[in-house]
C-alpha atoms as a PDB file:
ATOM      1  CA  MET A   1      -1.820 -64.516  -5.761  1.00  0.00           C
ATOM      2  CA  SER A   2      -0.683 -65.037  -2.165  1.00  0.00           C
ATOM      3  CA  ARG A   3       1.574 -61.973  -2.435  1.00  0.00           C
ATOM      4  CA  ILE A   4      -1.330 -59.794  -3.601  1.00  0.00           C
ATOM      5  CA  LEU A   5      -3.494 -61.128  -0.774  1.00  0.00           C
ATOM      6  CA  ALA A   6      -0.781 -60.373   1.786  1.00  0.00           C
ATOM      7  CA  LEU A   7      -0.378 -56.839   0.406  1.00  0.00           C
ATOM      8  CA  LEU A   8      -4.108 -56.172   0.644  1.00  0.00           C
ATOM      9  CA  ILE A   9      -4.207 -57.475   4.225  1.00  0.00           C
ATOM     10  CA  GLY A  10      -1.229 -55.248   5.098  1.00  0.00           C
ATOM     11  CA  LEU A  11      -2.875 -52.155   3.649  1.00  0.00           C
ATOM     12  CA  SER A  12      -6.094 -52.944   5.515  1.00  0.00           C
ATOM     13  CA  ILE A  13      -4.223 -53.237   8.830  1.00  0.00           C
ATOM     14  CA  MET A  14      -2.422 -49.919   8.208  1.00  0.00           C
ATOM     15  CA  SER A  15      -5.746 -48.228   7.420  1.00  0.00           C
ATOM     16  CA  CYS A  16      -7.288 -49.530  10.627  1.00  0.00           C
ATOM     17  CA  LYS A  17      -4.312 -48.335  12.675  1.00  0.00           C
ATOM     18  CA  GLN A  18      -4.555 -44.846  11.110  1.00  0.00           C
ATOM     19  CA  GLN A  19      -8.295 -44.690  11.853  1.00  0.00           C
ATOM     20  CA  VAL A  20      -7.705 -45.747  15.480  1.00  0.00           C
ATOM     21  CA  LYS A  21      -4.934 -43.136  15.812  1.00  0.00           C
ATOM     22  CA  GLU A  22      -7.177 -40.363  14.454  1.00  0.00           C
ATOM     23  CA  GLU A  23     -10.057 -41.368  16.725  1.00  0.00           C
ATOM     24  CA  HIS A  24      -7.703 -41.431  19.731  1.00  0.00           C
ATOM     25  CA  THR A  25      -6.300 -37.996  18.872  1.00  0.00           C
ATOM     26  CA  ALA A  26      -9.796 -36.554  18.523  1.00  0.00           C
ATOM     27  CA  PHE A  27     -10.781 -38.104  21.872  1.00  0.00           C
ATOM     28  CA  VAL A  28      -7.681 -36.676  23.594  1.00  0.00           C
ATOM     29  CA  ASP A  29      -8.334 -33.219  22.071  1.00  0.00           C
ATOM     30  CA  GLN A  30     -11.905 -33.317  23.342  1.00  0.00           C
ATOM     31  CA  GLU A  31     -10.637 -34.436  26.760  1.00  0.00           C
ATOM     32  CA  VAL A  32      -8.304 -31.405  26.905  1.00  0.00           C
ATOM     33  CA  LYS A  33     -11.153 -29.093  25.898  1.00  0.00           C
ATOM     34  CA  ASP A  34     -13.368 -30.600  28.565  1.00  0.00           C
ATOM     35  CA  THR A  35     -10.770 -29.838  31.252  1.00  0.00           C
ATOM     36  CA  ILE A  36     -10.603 -26.113  30.391  1.00  0.00           C
ATOM     37  CA  VAL A  37     -12.612 -24.209  32.944  1.00  0.00           C
ATOM     38  CA  GLU A  38     -14.676 -21.382  31.493  1.00  0.00           C
ATOM     39  CA  PRO A  39     -13.921 -18.210  33.517  1.00  0.00           C
ATOM     40  CA  THR A  40     -16.781 -16.843  35.575  1.00  0.00           C
ATOM     41  CA  ASP A  41     -15.127 -13.491  36.362  1.00  0.00           C
ATOM     42  CA  PRO A  42     -15.037 -10.930  33.483  1.00  0.00           C
ATOM     43  CA  LYS A  43     -11.655  -9.693  34.769  1.00  0.00           C
ATOM     44  CA  ALA A  44     -10.106 -13.021  33.735  1.00  0.00           C
ATOM     45  CA  THR A  45     -10.318 -11.959  30.066  1.00  0.00           C
ATOM     46  CA  GLU A  46      -9.299  -8.321  30.514  1.00  0.00           C
ATOM     47  CA  PHE A  47      -5.812  -6.837  30.189  1.00  0.00           C
ATOM     48  CA  TYR A  48      -4.537  -3.302  30.660  1.00  0.00           C
ATOM     49  CA  GLU A  49      -1.163  -3.128  28.910  1.00  0.00           C
ATOM     50  CA  PRO A  50       0.213  -1.993  26.564  1.00  0.00           C
ATOM     51  CA  VAL A  51      -1.743   1.251  26.582  1.00  0.00           C
ATOM     52  CA  PRO A  52      -2.135   2.716  23.050  1.00  0.00           C
ATOM     53  CA  PRO A  53      -0.889   6.276  22.534  1.00  0.00           C
ATOM     54  CA  THR A  54      -3.511   8.992  22.360  1.00  0.00           C
ATOM     55  CA  VAL A  55      -3.822  10.681  18.957  1.00  0.00           C
ATOM     56  CA  ASN A  56      -5.916  13.774  18.371  1.00  0.00           C
ATOM     57  CA  PRO A  57      -7.588  13.089  15.009  1.00  0.00           C
ATOM     58  CA  MET A  58      -8.299  16.785  14.542  1.00  0.00           C
ATOM     59  CA  GLY A  59      -4.942  18.387  15.278  1.00  0.00           C
ATOM     60  CA  LYS A  60      -3.624  21.513  13.596  1.00  0.00           C
ATOM     61  CA  ASN A  61      -5.438  22.096  10.277  1.00  0.00           C
ATOM     62  CA  GLY A  62      -7.398  18.884  10.830  1.00  0.00           C
ATOM     63  CA  ILE A  63      -4.296  16.681  10.590  1.00  0.00           C
ATOM     64  CA  PRO A  64      -3.711  13.895  13.162  1.00  0.00           C
ATOM     65  CA  SER A  65      -1.506  15.090  15.994  1.00  0.00           C
ATOM     66  CA  ASP A  66       1.162  12.419  15.425  1.00  0.00           C
ATOM     67  CA  ALA A  67       1.415  12.951  11.651  1.00  0.00           C
ATOM     68  CA  ILE A  68       4.457  14.285   9.819  1.00  0.00           C
ATOM     69  CA  VAL A  69       3.376  17.093   7.500  1.00  0.00           C
ATOM     70  CA  LEU A  70       5.348  16.676   4.284  1.00  0.00           C
ATOM     71  CA  PHE A  71       3.739  19.481   2.301  1.00  0.00           C
ATOM     72  CA  ASP A  72       1.498  22.288   3.538  1.00  0.00           C
ATOM     73  CA  GLY A  73       1.779  24.617   0.561  1.00  0.00           C
ATOM     74  CA  LYS A  74       4.351  26.950   2.090  1.00  0.00           C
ATOM     75  CA  HIS A  75       7.705  25.443   1.087  1.00  0.00           C
ATOM     76  CA  PHE A  76       9.585  22.352  -0.146  1.00  0.00           C
ATOM     77  CA  ASP A  77      11.708  21.882   2.966  1.00  0.00           C
ATOM     78  CA  HIS A  78      10.877  18.163   3.091  1.00  0.00           C
ATOM     79  CA  TRP A  79      11.590  17.525  -0.601  1.00  0.00           C
ATOM     80  CA  VAL A  80      14.421  17.377  -3.140  1.00  0.00           C
ATOM     81  CA  HIS A  81      14.665  16.321  -6.760  1.00  0.00           C
ATOM     82  CA  ALA A  82      14.917  12.538  -6.886  1.00  0.00           C
ATOM     83  CA  LYS A  83      17.751  12.282  -9.401  1.00  0.00           C
ATOM     84  CA  ASP A  84      20.387  14.543  -7.862  1.00  0.00           C
ATOM     85  CA  SER A  85      18.907  15.978  -4.622  1.00  0.00           C
ATOM     86  CA  ARG A  86      18.916  19.552  -5.962  1.00  0.00           C
ATOM     87  CA  PRO A  87      16.241  21.991  -4.707  1.00  0.00           C
ATOM     88  CA  VAL A  88      12.723  21.367  -5.976  1.00  0.00           C
ATOM     89  CA  GLU A  89      11.755  23.253  -9.156  1.00  0.00           C
ATOM     90  CA  TRP A  90       8.064  22.384  -9.173  1.00  0.00           C
ATOM     91  CA  VAL A  91       5.640  25.311  -9.088  1.00  0.00           C
ATOM     92  CA  LEU A  92       4.517  26.543  -5.675  1.00  0.00           C
ATOM     93  CA  ASN A  93       0.968  27.886  -6.093  1.00  0.00           C
ATOM     94  CA  GLU A  94      -0.826  30.605  -4.127  1.00  0.00           C
ATOM     95  CA  ASP A  95      -3.644  28.190  -3.195  1.00  0.00           C
ATOM     96  CA  GLY A  96      -1.260  26.014  -1.153  1.00  0.00           C
ATOM     97  CA  SER A  97      -0.644  23.385  -3.808  1.00  0.00           C
ATOM     98  CA  THR A  98       2.302  22.473  -6.007  1.00  0.00           C
ATOM     99  CA  THR A  99       2.189  21.657  -9.720  1.00  0.00           C
ATOM    100  CA  VAL A 100       4.626  19.437 -11.601  1.00  0.00           C
ATOM    101  CA  LYS A 101       7.085  21.472 -13.646  1.00  0.00           C
ATOM    102  CA  ASP A 102       7.256  19.517 -16.880  1.00  0.00           C
ATOM    103  CA  LYS A 103      10.500  17.600 -17.445  1.00  0.00           C
ATOM    104  CA  SER A 104      12.138  18.982 -14.308  1.00  0.00           C
ATOM    105  CA  GLY A 105      12.116  15.484 -12.803  1.00  0.00           C
ATOM    106  CA  ASP A 106      10.549  13.481  -9.990  1.00  0.00           C
ATOM    107  CA  ILE A 107      10.755  14.751  -6.426  1.00  0.00           C
ATOM    108  CA  LYS A 108      11.202  12.736  -3.227  1.00  0.00           C
ATOM    109  CA  THR A 109      11.160  13.276   0.522  1.00  0.00           C
ATOM    110  CA  ASN A 110      14.302  13.960   2.520  1.00  0.00           C
ATOM    111  CA  GLN A 111      13.061  11.497   5.104  1.00  0.00           C
ATOM    112  CA  VAL A 112      12.873   7.754   4.492  1.00  0.00           C
ATOM    113  CA  PHE A 113       9.961   5.561   5.523  1.00  0.00           C
ATOM    114  CA  GLY A 114       8.902   1.958   5.910  1.00  0.00           C
ATOM    115  CA  SER A 115       5.272   1.161   6.695  1.00  0.00           C
ATOM    116  CA  VAL A 116       3.029   4.236   6.647  1.00  0.00           C
ATOM    117  CA  GLN A 117      -0.417   5.730   6.566  1.00  0.00           C
ATOM    118  CA  LEU A 118      -0.308   8.351   3.816  1.00  0.00           C
ATOM    119  CA  HIS A 119      -2.791  11.108   3.024  1.00  0.00           C
ATOM    120  CA  ILE A 120      -2.328  12.980  -0.249  1.00  0.00           C
ATOM    121  CA  GLU A 121      -4.581  15.130  -2.443  1.00  0.00           C
ATOM    122  CA  TRP A 122      -4.149  15.636  -6.184  1.00  0.00           C
ATOM    123  CA  ARG A 123      -5.897  17.039  -9.220  1.00  0.00           C
ATOM    124  CA  SER A 124      -5.427  16.914 -12.962  1.00  0.00           C
ATOM    125  CA  SER A 125      -5.402  20.005 -15.147  1.00  0.00           C
ATOM    126  CA  PRO A 126      -8.654  20.794 -16.997  1.00  0.00           C
ATOM    127  CA  GLU A 127      -6.595  22.450 -19.758  1.00  0.00           C
ATOM    128  CA  HIS A 128      -4.562  19.343 -20.547  1.00  0.00           C
ATOM    129  CA  LYS A 129      -6.051  17.531 -23.552  1.00  0.00           C
ATOM    130  CA  GLY A 130      -3.838  14.457 -23.896  1.00  0.00           C
ATOM    131  CA  SER A 131      -5.260  10.951 -24.144  1.00  0.00           C
ATOM    132  CA  GLY A 132      -4.608   7.563 -22.569  1.00  0.00           C
ATOM    133  CA  GLN A 133      -1.526   7.585 -20.366  1.00  0.00           C
ATOM    134  CA  ASN A 134      -0.700  11.129 -21.513  1.00  0.00           C
ATOM    135  CA  ARG A 135      -3.530  12.914 -19.718  1.00  0.00           C
ATOM    136  CA  GLY A 136      -3.032  13.965 -16.120  1.00  0.00           C
ATOM    137  CA  ASN A 137      -0.394  11.293 -15.496  1.00  0.00           C
ATOM    138  CA  SER A 138       1.725  11.215 -12.357  1.00  0.00           C
ATOM    139  CA  GLY A 139       2.364   8.649  -9.656  1.00  0.00           C
ATOM    140  CA  ILE A 140       2.919   8.196  -5.940  1.00  0.00           C
ATOM    141  CA  PHE A 141       5.782   5.825  -5.200  1.00  0.00           C
ATOM    142  CA  LEU A 142       6.041   4.147  -1.801  1.00  0.00           C
ATOM    143  CA  GLN A 143       9.681   3.480  -0.892  1.00  0.00           C
ATOM    144  CA  GLU A 144      10.567   4.868  -4.358  1.00  0.00           C
ATOM    145  CA  ARG A 145       9.523   1.537  -5.931  1.00  0.00           C
ATOM    146  CA  TYR A 146       5.813   0.796  -5.673  1.00  0.00           C
ATOM    147  CA  GLU A 147       3.503   3.089  -7.622  1.00  0.00           C
ATOM    148  CA  VAL A 148      -0.080   4.075  -6.993  1.00  0.00           C
ATOM    149  CA  GLN A 149      -1.189   5.525 -10.321  1.00  0.00           C
ATOM    150  CA  VAL A 150      -2.404   9.105 -10.683  1.00  0.00           C
ATOM    151  CA  LEU A 151      -4.247   9.655 -13.971  1.00  0.00           C
ATOM    152  CA  ASP A 152      -7.157  11.595 -15.452  1.00  0.00           C
ATOM    153  CA  ASN A 153      -9.405   8.752 -16.629  1.00  0.00           C
ATOM    154  CA  ASN A 154     -12.546  10.819 -17.060  1.00  0.00           C
ATOM    155  CA  ASP A 155     -13.819   9.961 -20.561  1.00  0.00           C
ATOM    156  CA  ASN A 156     -10.309   8.672 -21.207  1.00  0.00           C
ATOM    157  CA  GLU A 157      -9.823   4.918 -21.239  1.00  0.00           C
ATOM    158  CA  THR A 158      -6.522   3.062 -20.931  1.00  0.00           C
ATOM    159  CA  TYR A 159      -5.281  -0.379 -19.856  1.00  0.00           C
ATOM    160  CA  VAL A 160      -7.031  -1.135 -16.569  1.00  0.00           C
ATOM    161  CA  ASN A 161      -3.913  -2.121 -14.614  1.00  0.00           C
ATOM    162  CA  GLY A 162      -2.570   1.323 -15.450  1.00  0.00           C
ATOM    163  CA  GLN A 163      -5.716   3.370 -14.810  1.00  0.00           C
ATOM    164  CA  VAL A 164      -6.244   5.780 -11.939  1.00  0.00           C
ATOM    165  CA  GLY A 165      -5.907   4.030  -8.568  1.00  0.00           C
ATOM    166  CA  SER A 166      -4.127   0.980  -9.925  1.00  0.00           C
ATOM    167  CA  ILE A 167      -0.992  -0.465  -8.412  1.00  0.00           C
ATOM    168  CA  TYR A 168       0.782   0.147 -11.677  1.00  0.00           C
ATOM    169  CA  LYS A 169       0.845  -2.886 -14.001  1.00  0.00           C
ATOM    170  CA  GLN A 170      -0.162  -5.150 -11.090  1.00  0.00           C
ATOM    171  CA  SER A 171      -3.564  -4.540  -9.523  1.00  0.00           C
ATOM    172  CA  VAL A 172      -6.722  -3.204 -11.156  1.00  0.00           C
ATOM    173  CA  PRO A 173      -8.666  -0.925  -8.762  1.00  0.00           C
ATOM    174  CA  LEU A 174     -11.960  -2.212  -7.407  1.00  0.00           C
ATOM    175  CA  ALA A 175     -13.698   0.937  -8.664  1.00  0.00           C
ATOM    176  CA  LYS A 176     -13.008   4.179 -10.520  1.00  0.00           C
ATOM    177  CA  ALA A 177     -13.862   6.874  -7.982  1.00  0.00           C
ATOM    178  CA  SER A 178     -12.480  10.062  -9.546  1.00  0.00           C
ATOM    179  CA  VAL A 179     -14.115  13.445  -9.172  1.00  0.00           C
ATOM    180  CA  ALA A 180     -14.520  15.777 -12.160  1.00  0.00           C
ATOM    181  CA  THR A 181     -11.360  16.804 -13.994  1.00  0.00           C
ATOM    182  CA  GLY A 182      -9.791  19.797 -12.265  1.00  0.00           C
ATOM    183  CA  GLU A 183     -11.325  19.015  -8.862  1.00  0.00           C
ATOM    184  CA  TRP A 184      -9.339  17.623  -5.929  1.00  0.00           C
ATOM    185  CA  ASN A 185      -9.014  13.863  -5.441  1.00  0.00           C
ATOM    186  CA  VAL A 186      -8.000  12.300  -2.128  1.00  0.00           C
ATOM    187  CA  TYR A 187      -5.921   9.152  -1.634  1.00  0.00           C
ATOM    188  CA  ASP A 188      -5.677   7.588   1.825  1.00  0.00           C
ATOM    189  CA  ILE A 189      -3.134   4.786   1.736  1.00  0.00           C
ATOM    190  CA  ILE A 190      -2.165   2.116   4.271  1.00  0.00           C
ATOM    191  CA  TYR A 191       1.141   0.572   3.252  1.00  0.00           C
ATOM    192  CA  HIS A 192       3.140  -2.177   4.948  1.00  0.00           C
ATOM    193  CA  ALA A 193       6.705  -2.570   3.709  1.00  0.00           C
ATOM    194  CA  PRO A 194       8.138  -5.882   2.472  1.00  0.00           C
ATOM    195  CA  GLU A 195      10.556  -7.882   4.576  1.00  0.00           C
ATOM    196  CA  PHE A 196      13.820  -9.536   3.523  1.00  0.00           C
ATOM    197  CA  ASN A 197      16.141 -11.984   5.256  1.00  0.00           C
ATOM    198  CA  SER A 198      19.919 -11.631   5.706  1.00  0.00           C
ATOM    199  CA  ASP A 199      20.487 -13.292   2.325  1.00  0.00           C
ATOM    200  CA  GLY A 200      18.417 -10.637   0.572  1.00  0.00           C
ATOM    201  CA  GLU A 201      15.475 -12.954  -0.099  1.00  0.00           C
ATOM    202  CA  LYS A 202      11.991 -11.549   0.301  1.00  0.00           C
ATOM    203  CA  THR A 203      10.217 -13.262   3.204  1.00  0.00           C
ATOM    204  CA  LYS A 204       7.088 -11.116   3.237  1.00  0.00           C
ATOM    205  CA  SER A 205       5.495  -9.075   0.466  1.00  0.00           C
ATOM    206  CA  ALA A 206       4.466  -5.455   0.850  1.00  0.00           C
ATOM    207  CA  THR A 207       0.732  -4.877   1.165  1.00  0.00           C
ATOM    208  CA  ILE A 208      -1.328  -1.821   0.317  1.00  0.00           C
ATOM    209  CA  THR A 209      -4.855  -0.583   0.932  1.00  0.00           C
ATOM    210  CA  VAL A 210      -6.071   2.522  -0.909  1.00  0.00           C
ATOM    211  CA  LEU A 211      -9.201   4.621  -0.461  1.00  0.00           C
ATOM    212  CA  HIS A 212      -9.930   7.031  -3.327  1.00  0.00           C
ATOM    213  CA  ASN A 213     -12.283   9.819  -2.256  1.00  0.00           C
ATOM    214  CA  GLY A 214     -13.432   7.547   0.575  1.00  0.00           C
ATOM    215  CA  ILE A 215     -14.052   4.549  -1.713  1.00  0.00           C
ATOM    216  CA  LEU A 216     -12.047   1.348  -1.162  1.00  0.00           C
ATOM    217  CA  ILE A 217     -10.180   0.657  -4.407  1.00  0.00           C
ATOM    218  CA  GLN A 218      -7.243  -1.519  -3.245  1.00  0.00           C
ATOM    219  CA  ASP A 219      -8.006  -4.000  -0.465  1.00  0.00           C
ATOM    220  CA  HIS A 220      -4.816  -5.192   1.255  1.00  0.00           C
ATOM    221  CA  PHE A 221      -3.252  -6.048  -2.103  1.00  0.00           C
ATOM    222  CA  GLU A 222      -0.018  -8.040  -1.876  1.00  0.00           C
ATOM    223  CA  ILE A 223       2.498  -6.171  -4.030  1.00  0.00           C
ATOM    224  CA  GLN A 224       4.429  -8.522  -6.304  1.00  0.00           C
ATOM    225  CA  GLY A 225       7.550  -6.350  -6.469  1.00  0.00           C
ATOM    226  CA  THR A 226       8.621  -3.145  -8.163  1.00  0.00           C
ATOM    227  CA  THR A 227       6.033  -1.599 -10.488  1.00  0.00           C
ATOM    228  CA  GLU A 228       7.852  -1.735 -13.804  1.00  0.00           C
ATOM    229  CA  TYR A 229       6.806  -0.001 -17.032  1.00  0.00           C
ATOM    230  CA  ILE A 230       8.452  -2.813 -19.027  1.00  0.00           C
ATOM    231  CA  GLY A 231       9.082  -6.287 -17.659  1.00  0.00           C
ATOM    232  CA  TRP A 232       8.169  -8.194 -14.539  1.00  0.00           C
ATOM    233  CA  PRO A 233       8.319  -7.002 -10.900  1.00  0.00           C
ATOM    234  CA  LYS A 234      11.739  -7.113  -9.211  1.00  0.00           C
ATOM    235  CA  ASN A 235      12.343  -7.995  -5.562  1.00  0.00           C
ATOM    236  CA  LYS A 236      15.819  -6.762  -4.695  1.00  0.00           C
ATOM    237  CA  SER A 237      16.350  -6.346  -0.953  1.00  0.00           C
ATOM    238  CA  HIS A 238      15.972  -2.815   0.422  1.00  0.00           C
ATOM    239  CA  GLY A 239      15.312  -0.914   3.614  1.00  0.00           C
ATOM    240  CA  LYS A 240      13.411   2.268   4.311  1.00  0.00           C
ATOM    241  CA  ALA A 241      13.224   4.689   1.397  1.00  0.00           C
ATOM    242  CA  ALA A 242      11.667   7.986   0.371  1.00  0.00           C
ATOM    243  CA  LEU A 243       8.177   8.807  -0.826  1.00  0.00           C
ATOM    244  CA  LYS A 244       8.437   9.919  -4.470  1.00  0.00           C
ATOM    245  CA  LEU A 245       6.109  11.943  -6.729  1.00  0.00           C
ATOM    246  CA  GLN A 246       6.413  11.520 -10.478  1.00  0.00           C
ATOM    247  CA  ASP A 247       6.999  14.029 -13.243  1.00  0.00           C
ATOM    248  CA  HIS A 248       5.628  12.043 -16.193  1.00  0.00           C
ATOM    249  CA  GLY A 249       7.138  14.523 -18.621  1.00  0.00           C
ATOM    250  CA  ASP A 250       4.096  15.030 -20.850  1.00  0.00           C
ATOM    251  CA  HIS A 251       2.885  18.514 -19.825  1.00  0.00           C
ATOM    252  CA  SER A 252       0.236  16.888 -17.601  1.00  0.00           C
ATOM    253  CA  ARG A 253       0.445  19.657 -14.975  1.00  0.00           C
ATOM    254  CA  VAL A 254      -0.792  17.459 -12.110  1.00  0.00           C
ATOM    255  CA  SER A 255      -1.009  19.298  -8.770  1.00  0.00           C
ATOM    256  CA  TYR A 256      -0.639  18.064  -5.173  1.00  0.00           C
ATOM    257  CA  ARG A 257      -1.528  19.469  -1.766  1.00  0.00           C
ATOM    258  CA  ASN A 258      -2.029  18.525   1.902  1.00  0.00           C
ATOM    259  CA  ILE A 259       0.461  15.656   2.143  1.00  0.00           C
ATOM    260  CA  TRP A 260       0.981  14.032   5.526  1.00  0.00           C
ATOM    261  CA  VAL A 261       2.143  10.669   6.783  1.00  0.00           C
ATOM    262  CA  ARG A 262       1.976   8.583   9.959  1.00  0.00           C
ATOM    263  CA  THR A 263       4.694   5.997  10.489  1.00  0.00           C
ATOM    264  CA  LEU A 264       3.516   2.461  11.285  1.00  0.00           C
ATOM    265  CA  ASP A 265       6.830   0.820  12.203  1.00  0.00           C
END
């Protein structure tokens, strides 16, 4: 009984000491706050460096002046086939767009990127009558690994983490904002690349924000890893990599136009 009593007294003393310590810390913190003098001159809270660069938001053809134009409808100089770097075989259309040539393969940029702001326009073919994942299917891959889904979902349901605007098999879009089949959709994407340490371990996940026709559909989503068709996301260390466009191989005849990018790193 005496041992139990001693233990209870000990615990009570420790509790009192902790309470006194917390009260003292709070008092000291308040003392520090009280000694901070509120500035009376507005200049005390102003700074003038670094000066942001000036960007003309309406540069040539309405594209920001610091953007890299990856496709303007005239040529494929910035692109190669993803598998073997041969010249692009996709169809170059008279209206300034390009259409996937079925089963010719994915294409990717010659240039590699990390974090970017990407603008890209796409449309599905009104003649294509597939269903589910086989209607108007393509994809935009950031760093060749992380897919924003392109799909004709108009009157065509599929699994929601694979529908138009999804981060494939990972994030369901906040809304379905597609225009009518055959009309041009716009994706504006803000992407921040993942970070890895010297041991190849991921220390910071990639994040992505997507606006579809001006509607927010992905809000700073933290990408879990590669967007796999089968299996779980992978997180193997990598550096900058190309932007890739998918040939889904199902006669979808998806078209793209007006592709530009601004680097953010």
